[in-house]
Amino acid sequence: MLHLLALPGPAHHCLLPCRGRRGASVWTSHPRAAARAVLQLADALLELDQPVGLLPPPLRPAPSLAEAVAWHDIAHTDDKEPALAALAWGGDDAALGLHASVFPAADCDSEQCQLVLANHSGHPVRSANALVQAQRLRQALVPDWVRVGTGAPSWPRFATSGAASQLRLGTEPGTFQLFAHQAAHGMPKELRARFSAPLSDAEGQRAEARMAQLRSCHGLFVRQLWAGIDAGADGIDQLACAGPSALLIHEQCLGDQHQVLYACQRELPKLKVLQIARTALTAADAIQRGTCGGLFVGQHYLAPAAALERDSGRQLAQLPENGLCTELRGIDYEPNLLGGGPSRVCLRLPGCDASALRPGYRLDRKNLPLLHSWVDTHHPEELLPDQLSSAASAERCQAASQAWPLQA
């Protein structure tokens, strides 16, 4: 299985309006720490002998994003000028899980692994950014192995959020995919009012599955639980993580969760499930620490180091006790820096290996010191909102792009 990562650039910044929430504001970001976290994840994957690909940061500001900013509604941000600057410089560059859904060839009537671009309808900046990400993916991946296709129609009812709302269970040929959408009839008005753009919808996910020719027996479409969304989960990947025969899930992840888990275990009798009770760990704490946002890699579970502490650590300790893995591995990774846990920034391509990558995108351990040095040279420790559109920031991004150490 190929693990594809994207390194945050010198202008890496967090901005909640990019995710559609009202009343959010920009804050000081930490580009160097965010980039180091991705490199720590890459190091952990390489140590486990996993093939890893790395996308360089896109040059900022991107013209397509600047055009999107011209008409983006930022009326609900607390500080309009910094927000406008942050939008112009993009966002979610490292969060590949938000940009594309993954459909392995083994699950579809296709000879290639398929990446279907997410439809961020109602998110003009994220939609424009998706075009940048699509170009990067096509540059990195060999078409004979992976096809990067277009997304669902750009209508609100077809809104999707990529692999962040997708789980793959089981082993080939008996795999099973779980798609979780946010939109549903009956959502409390006070919760819906907190979002300025359409939520992911089952119709969009079904359209993606049809476009990728997913076999009907391989998909189950469910909705996220509103309590989990209220706690801050903008995708299923923040409250659930799956491996070939393991599923870690928080009690407040899915609607009708008992029936969903029953259906999954009926399809996959060997599936082992650990459900974290909300009384043992709140959904908000699980999201904050990245408890369920890790990665099952072989017999290991990779998670942020903070997730292995206190109440979260006591819950994860049950994974090896119940046979879902043999070892827990903590990495120096703070979910808040990147908008989610390791599963949010790692796009996993089953059935692919390093041959699916073009030269210049394949990562090995000898490259890591070069990348750490590059990050230390070009990434600031912190970046204030009003520094985003400065000439110094533009020059820093240009210099970093020219000095990128991984060459074809």
Protein backbone atom coordinates (compact mmCIF):
# COMPACT_ATOMS: atom_id res chain seq x y z
CA MET A 1 0.00 0.00 0.00
CA LEU A 2 1.35 3.39 -1.02
CA HIS A 3 1.20 6.22 1.53
CA LEU A 4 1.06 9.67 -0.06
CA LEU A 5 1.86 12.77 2.02
CA ALA A 6 2.06 16.49 1.26
CA LEU A 7 4.46 18.80 3.05
CA PRO A 8 3.09 22.12 4.38
CA GLY A 9 4.79 25.19 2.94
CA PRO A 10 6.26 28.29 4.58
CA ALA A 11 2.86 30.02 4.37
CA HIS A 12 0.95 27.14 5.98
CA HIS A 13 -1.99 28.64 7.82
CA CYS A 14 -5.19 27.56 9.52
CA LEU A 15 -8.46 29.28 8.75
CA LEU A 16 -11.75 27.81 9.88
CA PRO A 17 -13.93 29.62 7.30
CA CYS A 18 -12.21 27.41 4.68
CA ARG A 19 -14.05 24.55 6.37
CA GLY A 20 -17.38 26.30 6.22
CA ARG A 21 -17.93 27.25 9.85
CA ARG A 22 -19.41 30.63 10.66
CA GLY A 23 -17.98 32.96 13.27
CA ALA A 24 -14.45 31.60 13.01
CA SER A 25 -11.31 33.67 12.82
CA VAL A 26 -7.71 33.16 11.78
CA TRP A 27 -4.99 32.65 14.35
CA THR A 28 -1.25 32.40 14.61
CA SER A 29 0.04 29.32 12.81
CA HIS A 30 3.26 27.34 13.14
CA PRO A 31 4.49 26.27 9.68
CA ARG A 32 7.76 24.73 10.90
CA ALA A 33 6.07 22.53 13.51
CA ALA A 34 3.41 21.47 11.00
CA ALA A 35 6.02 20.45 8.42
CA ARG A 36 8.06 18.60 11.03
CA ALA A 37 4.93 16.66 12.07
CA VAL A 38 4.44 15.41 8.50
CA LEU A 39 8.11 14.40 8.32
CA GLN A 40 7.78 12.55 11.64
CA LEU A 41 4.86 10.61 10.18
CA ALA A 42 6.89 9.84 7.04
CA ASP A 43 9.78 8.61 9.18
CA ALA A 44 7.47 6.31 11.16
CA LEU A 45 6.02 4.84 7.95
CA LEU A 46 9.45 4.29 6.42
CA GLU A 47 10.61 2.59 9.62
CA LEU A 48 7.77 0.11 9.10
CA ASP A 49 8.99 -0.52 5.52
CA GLN A 50 6.04 1.22 3.90
CA PRO A 51 6.38 2.93 0.49
CA VAL A 52 5.95 6.69 0.94
CA GLY A 53 5.46 9.48 -1.58
CA LEU A 54 5.81 13.17 -0.78
CA LEU A 55 4.28 16.14 -2.60
CA PRO A 56 6.11 19.48 -2.35
CA PRO A 57 4.16 22.54 -1.20
CA PRO A 58 2.44 24.48 -3.99
CA LEU A 59 3.74 27.95 -4.69
CA ARG A 60 1.72 30.59 -2.85
CA PRO A 61 -0.26 32.64 -3.55
CA ALA A 62 -1.91 30.59 -6.30
CA PRO A 63 -3.71 32.65 -9.00
CA SER A 64 -6.80 30.42 -8.89
CA LEU A 65 -7.13 31.04 -5.15
CA ALA A 66 -6.67 34.78 -5.57
CA GLU A 67 -9.58 34.78 -8.04
CA ALA A 68 -11.72 32.81 -5.60
CA VAL A 69 -10.97 35.27 -2.82
CA ALA A 70 -12.34 38.11 -4.91
CA TRP A 71 -15.89 36.90 -4.38
CA HIS A 72 -15.68 34.77 -1.25
CA ASP A 73 -18.09 35.72 1.55
CA ILE A 74 -16.05 36.47 4.65
CA ALA A 75 -18.83 38.40 6.39
CA HIS A 76 -18.82 35.94 9.28
CA THR A 77 -15.14 36.19 10.15
CA ASP A 78 -14.07 38.19 13.17
CA ASP A 79 -11.19 39.95 11.43
CA LYS A 80 -11.79 40.46 7.71
CA GLU A 81 -8.40 41.70 6.53
CA PRO A 82 -6.31 38.82 7.97
CA ALA A 83 -9.01 36.40 6.83
CA LEU A 84 -8.85 37.71 3.27
CA ALA A 85 -5.08 37.39 3.24
CA ALA A 86 -5.24 33.85 4.62
CA LEU A 87 -7.74 32.83 1.95
CA ALA A 88 -5.47 34.19 -0.77
CA TRP A 89 -2.66 32.01 0.50
CA GLY A 90 -4.72 28.84 0.50
CA GLY A 91 -5.16 26.20 3.14
CA ASP A 92 -5.39 22.46 3.77
CA ASP A 93 -2.35 21.83 1.56
CA ALA A 94 -1.24 18.93 3.76
CA ALA A 95 -4.73 17.50 4.31
CA LEU A 96 -4.82 15.25 1.24
CA GLY A 97 -7.69 13.28 2.79
CA LEU A 98 -9.96 16.28 2.13
CA HIS A 99 -9.16 16.51 -1.56
CA ALA A 100 -9.88 13.08 -3.03
CA SER A 101 -11.72 9.83 -2.37
CA VAL A 102 -9.81 6.59 -2.98
CA PHE A 103 -11.27 3.65 -4.91
CA PRO A 104 -8.78 0.75 -5.22
CA ALA A 105 -8.91 -1.33 -8.38
CA ALA A 106 -9.81 -4.43 -6.34
CA ASP A 107 -13.11 -2.81 -5.31
CA CYS A 108 -14.11 -1.53 -8.74
CA ASP A 109 -14.68 -2.60 -12.32
CA SER A 110 -11.42 -0.92 -13.25
CA GLU A 111 -7.80 -1.89 -13.77
CA GLN A 112 -6.51 1.21 -11.99
CA CYS A 113 -6.77 2.72 -8.55
CA GLN A 114 -9.10 5.70 -8.87
CA LEU A 115 -8.87 9.06 -7.13
CA VAL A 116 -12.10 11.07 -7.41
CA LEU A 117 -11.69 14.73 -6.53
CA ALA A 118 -13.86 16.01 -3.71
CA ASN A 119 -16.68 18.40 -4.59
CA HIS A 120 -16.35 21.36 -2.21
CA SER A 121 -19.53 23.01 -3.42
CA GLY A 122 -20.12 26.26 -1.53
CA HIS A 123 -16.45 26.50 -0.47
CA PRO A 124 -15.03 28.72 -3.26
CA VAL A 125 -11.52 28.81 -1.82
CA ARG A 126 -11.35 25.12 -1.05
CA SER A 127 -12.81 24.39 -4.50
CA ALA A 128 -10.10 26.49 -6.13
CA ASN A 129 -7.48 24.86 -3.94
CA ALA A 130 -8.73 21.43 -5.04
CA LEU A 131 -7.68 22.28 -8.60
CA VAL A 132 -4.17 23.00 -7.33
CA GLN A 133 -4.13 19.69 -5.46
CA ALA A 134 -5.41 17.78 -8.49
CA GLN A 135 -2.56 19.13 -10.59
CA ARG A 136 -0.06 18.06 -7.93
CA LEU A 137 -1.51 14.54 -7.75
CA ARG A 138 -1.41 14.13 -11.54
CA GLN A 139 2.21 15.29 -11.59
CA ALA A 140 3.20 12.79 -8.89
CA LEU A 141 1.31 9.64 -9.91
CA VAL A 142 1.85 7.36 -12.91
CA PRO A 143 -1.43 7.15 -14.92
CA ASP A 144 -1.01 3.43 -15.59
CA TRP A 145 -1.29 2.87 -11.84
CA VAL A 146 -3.59 5.63 -10.61
CA ARG A 147 -6.21 7.64 -12.44
CA VAL A 148 -7.00 11.08 -11.00
CA GLY A 149 -10.53 11.77 -12.18
CA THR A 150 -12.87 14.71 -11.88
CA GLY A 151 -15.33 15.04 -9.04
CA ALA A 152 -19.10 14.93 -8.77
CA PRO A 153 -21.18 17.77 -10.29
CA SER A 154 -20.58 21.07 -8.49
CA TRP A 155 -24.01 21.30 -6.89
CA PRO A 156 -24.69 21.56 -3.13
CA ARG A 157 -26.53 18.24 -3.06
CA PHE A 158 -23.39 16.55 -4.42
CA ALA A 159 -20.98 18.05 -1.86
CA THR A 160 -18.30 15.60 -0.66
CA SER A 161 -15.20 15.73 1.52
CA GLY A 162 -12.88 13.09 0.07
CA ALA A 163 -11.27 10.23 1.95
CA ALA A 164 -11.93 12.10 5.20
CA SER A 165 -15.45 10.63 5.00
CA GLN A 166 -14.45 7.16 3.80
CA LEU A 167 -13.31 3.97 5.56
CA ARG A 168 -12.10 0.77 3.88
CA LEU A 169 -12.56 -2.46 5.82
CA GLY A 170 -11.54 -6.03 5.12
CA THR A 171 -8.92 -7.67 2.95
CA GLU A 172 -9.03 -8.36 -0.77
CA PRO A 173 -11.16 -9.65 -2.36
CA GLY A 174 -13.68 -9.23 0.46
CA THR A 175 -13.30 -5.51 1.06
CA PHE A 176 -16.04 -3.19 2.20
CA GLN A 177 -16.22 0.62 2.08
CA LEU A 178 -18.08 2.82 4.53
CA PHE A 179 -19.09 6.33 3.43
CA ALA A 180 -20.31 8.81 6.04
CA HIS A 181 -22.03 12.05 5.05
CA GLN A 182 -22.98 15.01 7.22
CA ALA A 183 -26.15 16.35 5.62
CA ALA A 184 -29.41 14.77 6.75
CA HIS A 185 -33.02 15.78 7.09
CA GLY A 186 -33.86 16.78 10.62
CA MET A 187 -30.49 18.25 11.62
CA PRO A 188 -31.10 20.77 14.44
CA LYS A 189 -31.32 24.29 13.02
CA GLU A 190 -28.91 25.70 15.58
CA LEU A 191 -26.27 23.19 14.45
CA ARG A 192 -26.89 23.70 10.73
CA ALA A 193 -26.69 27.48 11.21
CA ARG A 194 -23.04 27.12 12.26
CA PHE A 195 -22.02 26.15 8.72
CA SER A 196 -21.88 28.65 5.87
CA ALA A 197 -21.56 26.05 3.09
CA PRO A 198 -23.29 22.78 2.13
CA LEU A 199 -22.34 19.73 4.18
CA SER A 200 -21.22 16.50 2.55
CA ASP A 201 -24.17 14.61 1.13
CA ALA A 202 -24.90 10.95 0.42
CA GLU A 203 -25.89 11.80 -3.16
CA GLY A 204 -22.42 13.14 -3.83
CA GLN A 205 -20.78 10.06 -2.35
CA ARG A 206 -22.99 7.76 -4.41
CA ALA A 207 -22.10 9.77 -7.52
CA GLU A 208 -18.39 9.34 -6.74
CA ALA A 209 -18.88 5.60 -6.31
CA ARG A 210 -20.62 5.37 -9.69
CA MET A 211 -17.89 7.41 -11.36
CA ALA A 212 -15.24 5.04 -9.97
CA GLN A 213 -17.36 1.99 -10.93
CA LEU A 214 -17.43 0.74 -7.33
CA ARG A 215 -19.18 -2.60 -7.12
CA SER A 216 -22.48 -2.17 -5.30
CA CYS A 217 -21.69 -4.94 -2.81
CA HIS A 218 -18.63 -2.99 -1.64
CA GLY A 219 -20.32 0.16 -0.29
CA LEU A 220 -22.46 1.24 2.66
CA PHE A 221 -23.68 4.84 2.93
CA VAL A 222 -24.42 6.19 6.40
CA ARG A 223 -24.47 9.56 8.15
CA GLN A 224 -22.33 11.11 10.83
CA LEU A 225 -23.91 11.56 14.24
CA TRP A 226 -24.85 15.16 14.88
CA ALA A 227 -23.26 15.06 18.34
CA GLY A 228 -19.93 14.22 16.71
CA ILE A 229 -20.29 17.03 14.18
CA ASP A 230 -21.16 19.38 17.04
CA ALA A 231 -17.95 18.31 18.80
CA GLY A 232 -15.93 19.37 15.74
CA ALA A 233 -15.73 16.28 13.50
CA ASP A 234 -15.81 17.51 9.91
CA GLY A 235 -15.13 13.98 8.64
CA ILE A 236 -15.39 10.40 9.79
CA ASP A 237 -11.60 10.19 10.00
CA GLN A 238 -11.57 12.23 13.20
CA LEU A 239 -13.69 9.72 15.14
CA ALA A 240 -12.92 6.41 13.38
CA CYS A 241 -9.97 4.54 11.94
CA ALA A 242 -9.99 1.25 10.04
CA GLY A 243 -7.53 -1.47 9.17
CA PRO A 244 -8.01 -4.68 7.18
CA SER A 245 -9.55 -6.47 10.18
CA ALA A 246 -9.79 -3.70 12.78
CA LEU A 247 -12.10 -0.76 13.42
CA LEU A 248 -11.54 1.86 16.10
CA ILE A 249 -14.57 4.09 16.48
CA HIS A 250 -15.98 6.58 18.95
CA GLU A 251 -19.51 6.10 20.21
CA GLN A 252 -20.56 9.49 18.79
CA CYS A 253 -19.23 8.93 15.27
CA LEU A 254 -22.20 7.59 13.27
CA GLY A 255 -25.95 7.75 13.33
CA ASP A 256 -27.58 4.37 14.10
CA GLN A 257 -24.09 3.16 14.92
CA HIS A 258 -25.16 -0.12 16.50
CA GLN A 259 -26.93 -1.18 13.30
CA VAL A 260 -24.02 0.02 11.13
CA LEU A 261 -21.49 -2.00 13.12
CA TYR A 262 -23.76 -5.03 12.98
CA ALA A 263 -23.92 -4.71 9.18
CA CYS A 264 -20.14 -4.38 8.94
CA GLN A 265 -19.49 -7.44 11.09
CA ARG A 266 -22.09 -9.42 9.15
CA GLU A 267 -20.19 -8.64 5.93
CA LEU A 268 -16.80 -9.16 7.58
CA PRO A 269 -17.06 -11.82 10.33
CA LYS A 270 -13.36 -11.46 11.22
CA LEU A 271 -13.64 -7.72 11.83
CA LYS A 272 -12.64 -6.70 15.37
CA VAL A 273 -14.22 -3.51 16.69
CA LEU A 274 -13.23 -1.29 19.61
CA GLN A 275 -15.86 1.33 20.39
CA ILE A 276 -14.83 4.15 22.71
CA ALA A 277 -17.65 5.16 25.02
CA ARG A 278 -18.42 8.86 25.33
CA THR A 279 -18.34 8.50 29.12
CA ALA A 280 -14.75 7.23 28.91
CA LEU A 281 -13.57 9.90 26.44
CA THR A 282 -15.58 12.75 24.99
CA ALA A 283 -15.71 13.21 21.23
CA ALA A 284 -14.15 16.66 21.59
CA ASP A 285 -11.17 15.22 23.51
CA ALA A 286 -10.77 12.41 20.97
CA ILE A 287 -10.63 14.97 18.15
CA GLN A 288 -8.26 17.26 20.06
CA ARG A 289 -5.78 14.46 20.79
CA GLY A 290 -6.21 12.57 17.51
CA THR A 291 -7.23 9.38 19.35
CA CYS A 292 -9.12 7.86 16.42
CA GLY A 293 -7.25 9.77 13.72
CA GLY A 294 -4.24 7.46 13.54
CA LEU A 295 -3.23 4.79 11.04
CA PHE A 296 -3.33 1.00 11.23
CA VAL A 297 -0.10 -0.08 9.54
CA GLY A 298 0.35 -3.83 9.55
CA GLN A 299 0.08 -4.85 13.20
CA HIS A 300 0.87 -1.33 14.44
CA TYR A 301 -1.30 1.65 15.28
CA LEU A 302 0.40 5.01 14.64
CA ALA A 303 -1.09 7.86 16.66
CA PRO A 304 -0.07 11.28 17.96
CA ALA A 305 1.96 10.96 21.16
CA ALA A 306 -0.67 12.97 23.05
CA ALA A 307 -3.28 10.33 22.15
CA LEU A 308 -1.37 7.74 24.17
CA GLU A 309 -1.70 9.76 27.38
CA ARG A 310 -4.39 10.01 30.07
CA ASP A 311 -7.95 8.92 29.23
CA SER A 312 -7.17 8.64 25.53
CA GLY A 313 -4.18 6.41 26.23
CA ARG A 314 -6.23 4.14 28.46
CA GLN A 315 -8.71 3.64 25.63
CA LEU A 316 -6.02 2.96 23.03
CA ALA A 317 -4.35 0.47 25.35
CA GLN A 318 -7.33 -1.78 24.64
CA LEU A 319 -6.30 -2.12 20.98
CA PRO A 320 -3.49 -4.65 21.61
CA GLU A 321 -5.42 -6.18 24.50
CA ASN A 322 -8.29 -7.02 22.14
CA GLY A 323 -6.16 -8.10 19.21
CA LEU A 324 -6.73 -5.10 16.91
CA CYS A 325 -2.96 -4.50 16.77
CA THR A 326 0.20 -5.68 18.49
CA GLU A 327 1.88 -2.33 19.17
CA LEU A 328 0.99 1.31 19.72
CA ARG A 329 3.45 3.84 18.32
CA GLY A 330 3.35 7.49 19.25
CA ILE A 331 4.70 10.18 16.93
CA ASP A 332 5.43 13.85 17.53
CA TYR A 333 2.32 15.13 15.81
CA GLU A 334 -0.20 17.75 16.92
CA PRO A 335 -3.55 17.39 15.10
CA ASN A 336 -4.45 21.06 15.54
CA LEU A 337 -1.53 22.10 13.36
CA LEU A 338 -2.81 20.19 10.34
CA GLY A 339 -6.58 20.06 10.75
CA GLY A 340 -6.68 16.41 11.81
CA GLY A 341 -4.70 13.31 12.69
CA PRO A 342 -2.34 11.25 10.52
CA SER A 343 -5.25 9.76 8.58
CA ARG A 344 -6.24 13.27 7.44
CA VAL A 345 -2.83 14.02 5.88
CA CYS A 346 -2.05 10.54 4.52
CA LEU A 347 -3.75 9.42 1.32
CA ARG A 348 -3.46 5.62 1.27
CA LEU A 349 -3.57 3.83 -2.09
CA PRO A 350 -4.19 0.07 -1.66
CA GLY A 351 -2.74 -2.12 -4.39
CA CYS A 352 -0.08 0.46 -5.26
CA ASP A 353 3.61 0.65 -4.40
CA ALA A 354 6.48 3.03 -5.10
CA SER A 355 6.21 2.21 -8.83
CA ALA A 356 3.04 4.33 -8.91
CA LEU A 357 5.15 7.44 -8.22
CA ARG A 358 7.14 9.43 -10.70
CA PRO A 359 10.83 10.07 -9.93
CA GLY A 360 11.27 12.98 -7.56
CA TYR A 361 8.24 12.06 -5.44
CA ARG A 362 9.54 8.84 -3.86
CA LEU A 363 10.70 9.29 -0.31
CA ASP A 364 13.36 7.26 1.51
CA ARG A 365 15.22 7.70 4.76
CA LYS A 366 18.25 9.34 3.15
CA ASN A 367 16.00 12.21 2.00
CA LEU A 368 14.71 13.03 5.48
CA PRO A 369 17.77 14.99 6.70
CA LEU A 370 17.62 17.09 3.51
CA LEU A 371 13.95 17.82 4.08
CA HIS A 372 14.43 18.68 7.76
CA SER A 373 17.19 21.11 6.77
CA TRP A 374 14.96 22.62 4.07
CA VAL A 375 12.14 23.13 6.59
CA ASP A 376 14.47 24.70 9.18
CA THR A 377 15.80 27.10 6.55
CA HIS A 378 12.55 28.28 4.97
CA HIS A 379 9.70 27.75 7.45
CA PRO A 380 9.09 30.35 10.18
CA GLU A 381 8.42 29.20 13.72
CA GLU A 382 5.19 31.17 13.73
CA LEU A 383 3.18 33.17 11.27
CA LEU A 384 0.79 35.92 12.30
CA PRO A 385 -2.36 36.51 10.22
CA ASP A 386 -1.24 39.96 9.07
CA GLN A 387 2.09 38.56 7.85
CA LEU A 388 0.56 36.29 5.22
CA SER A 389 0.37 38.76 2.36
CA SER A 390 3.65 40.50 3.12
CA ALA A 391 6.45 40.74 0.58
CA ALA A 392 8.69 38.81 2.95
CA SER A 393 6.28 35.87 2.98
CA ALA A 394 6.06 35.84 -0.83
CA GLU A 395 9.86 35.91 -1.12
CA ARG A 396 10.15 33.10 1.43
CA CYS A 397 7.74 30.90 -0.54
CA GLN A 398 9.58 31.62 -3.80
CA ALA A 399 12.97 30.80 -2.27
CA ALA A 400 11.64 27.59 -0.71
CA SER A 401 10.20 26.44 -4.04
CA GLN A 402 13.49 27.03 -5.84
CA ALA A 403 15.43 25.16 -3.15
CA TRP A 404 13.17 22.07 -3.00
CA PRO A 405 15.64 19.19 -2.34
CA LEU A 406 13.87 16.30 -4.06
CA GLN A 407 14.57 16.57 -7.75
CA ALA A 408 13.46 14.23 -10.54
